[in-house]
C-alpha cells in the first residue's frame, strides 16, 4: 500500500528542484494506526 502523506507545493515555486528522489519509512504501532484512521 502506497499513499502520499505530505507534500510541499510551495517548494517548487520558491526553489529550483534539479533532482527528486522517492523514499519511504516503515511505521509501526500508534503511528500507522492514526494514519489508517484518517483514511476512513
C-alpha atoms as a PDB file:
ATOM      1  CA  UNK A   1       0.000   0.000   0.000  1.00  0.00           C
ATOM      2  CA  UNK A   2       1.418   3.338  -1.036  1.00  0.00           C
ATOM      3  CA  UNK A   3      -0.110   6.702  -0.312  1.00  0.00           C
ATOM      4  CA  UNK A   4       1.078  10.270  -0.197  1.00  0.00           C
ATOM      5  CA  UNK A   5       1.034  11.650   3.331  1.00  0.00           C
ATOM      6  CA  UNK A   6       2.652  15.053   2.840  1.00  0.00           C
ATOM      7  CA  UNK A   7       3.769  17.355   0.038  1.00  0.00           C
ATOM      8  CA  UNK A   8       5.093  20.877  -0.259  1.00  0.00           C
ATOM      9  CA  UNK A   9       3.841  22.659  -3.409  1.00  0.00           C
ATOM     10  CA  UNK A  10       5.421  25.938  -2.281  1.00  0.00           C
ATOM     11  CA  UNK A  11       8.904  24.411  -2.574  1.00  0.00           C
ATOM     12  CA  UNK A  12       8.514  24.017  -6.356  1.00  0.00           C
ATOM     13  CA  UNK A  13       7.509  27.665  -6.604  1.00  0.00           C
ATOM     14  CA  UNK A  14      10.258  29.098  -4.383  1.00  0.00           C
ATOM     15  CA  UNK A  15      13.173  26.857  -5.371  1.00  0.00           C
ATOM     16  CA  UNK A  16      14.691  25.218  -8.433  1.00  0.00           C
ATOM     17  CA  UNK A  17      14.443  21.478  -7.868  1.00  0.00           C
ATOM     18  CA  UNK A  18      17.013  19.666 -10.010  1.00  0.00           C
ATOM     19  CA  UNK A  19      16.580  16.129  -8.706  1.00  0.00           C
ATOM     20  CA  UNK A  20      13.859  14.315  -6.827  1.00  0.00           C
ATOM     21  CA  UNK A  21      14.024  11.011  -5.019  1.00  0.00           C
ATOM     22  CA  UNK A  22      11.344   8.769  -3.623  1.00  0.00           C
ATOM     23  CA  UNK A  23      11.919   7.490  -0.109  1.00  0.00           C
ATOM     24  CA  UNK A  24       9.949   5.548   2.403  1.00  0.00           C
ATOM     25  CA  UNK A  25       9.778   4.665   6.057  1.00  0.00           C
ATOM     26  CA  UNK A  26       8.231   1.803   7.959  1.00  0.00           C
ATOM     27  CA  UNK A  27       5.642   2.842  10.513  1.00  0.00           C
ATOM     28  CA  UNK A  28       4.561   0.540  13.301  1.00  0.00           C
ATOM     29  CA  UNK A  29       2.333   0.833  16.312  1.00  0.00           C
ATOM     30  CA  UNK A  30       0.466   4.046  17.048  1.00  0.00           C
ATOM     31  CA  UNK A  31       1.834   5.931  14.022  1.00  0.00           C
ATOM     32  CA  UNK A  32       0.276   3.623  11.441  1.00  0.00           C
ATOM     33  CA  UNK A  33      -2.934   3.313  13.430  1.00  0.00           C
ATOM     34  CA  UNK A  34      -3.504   7.087  13.358  1.00  0.00           C
ATOM     35  CA  UNK A  35      -2.738   7.310   9.617  1.00  0.00           C
ATOM     36  CA  UNK A  36      -5.155   4.477   8.826  1.00  0.00           C
ATOM     37  CA  UNK A  37      -7.903   6.097  10.905  1.00  0.00           C
ATOM     38  CA  UNK A  38      -7.623   9.329   8.892  1.00  0.00           C
ATOM     39  CA  UNK A  39      -8.148   7.396   5.646  1.00  0.00           C
ATOM     40  CA  UNK A  40     -11.708   6.399   6.567  1.00  0.00           C
END
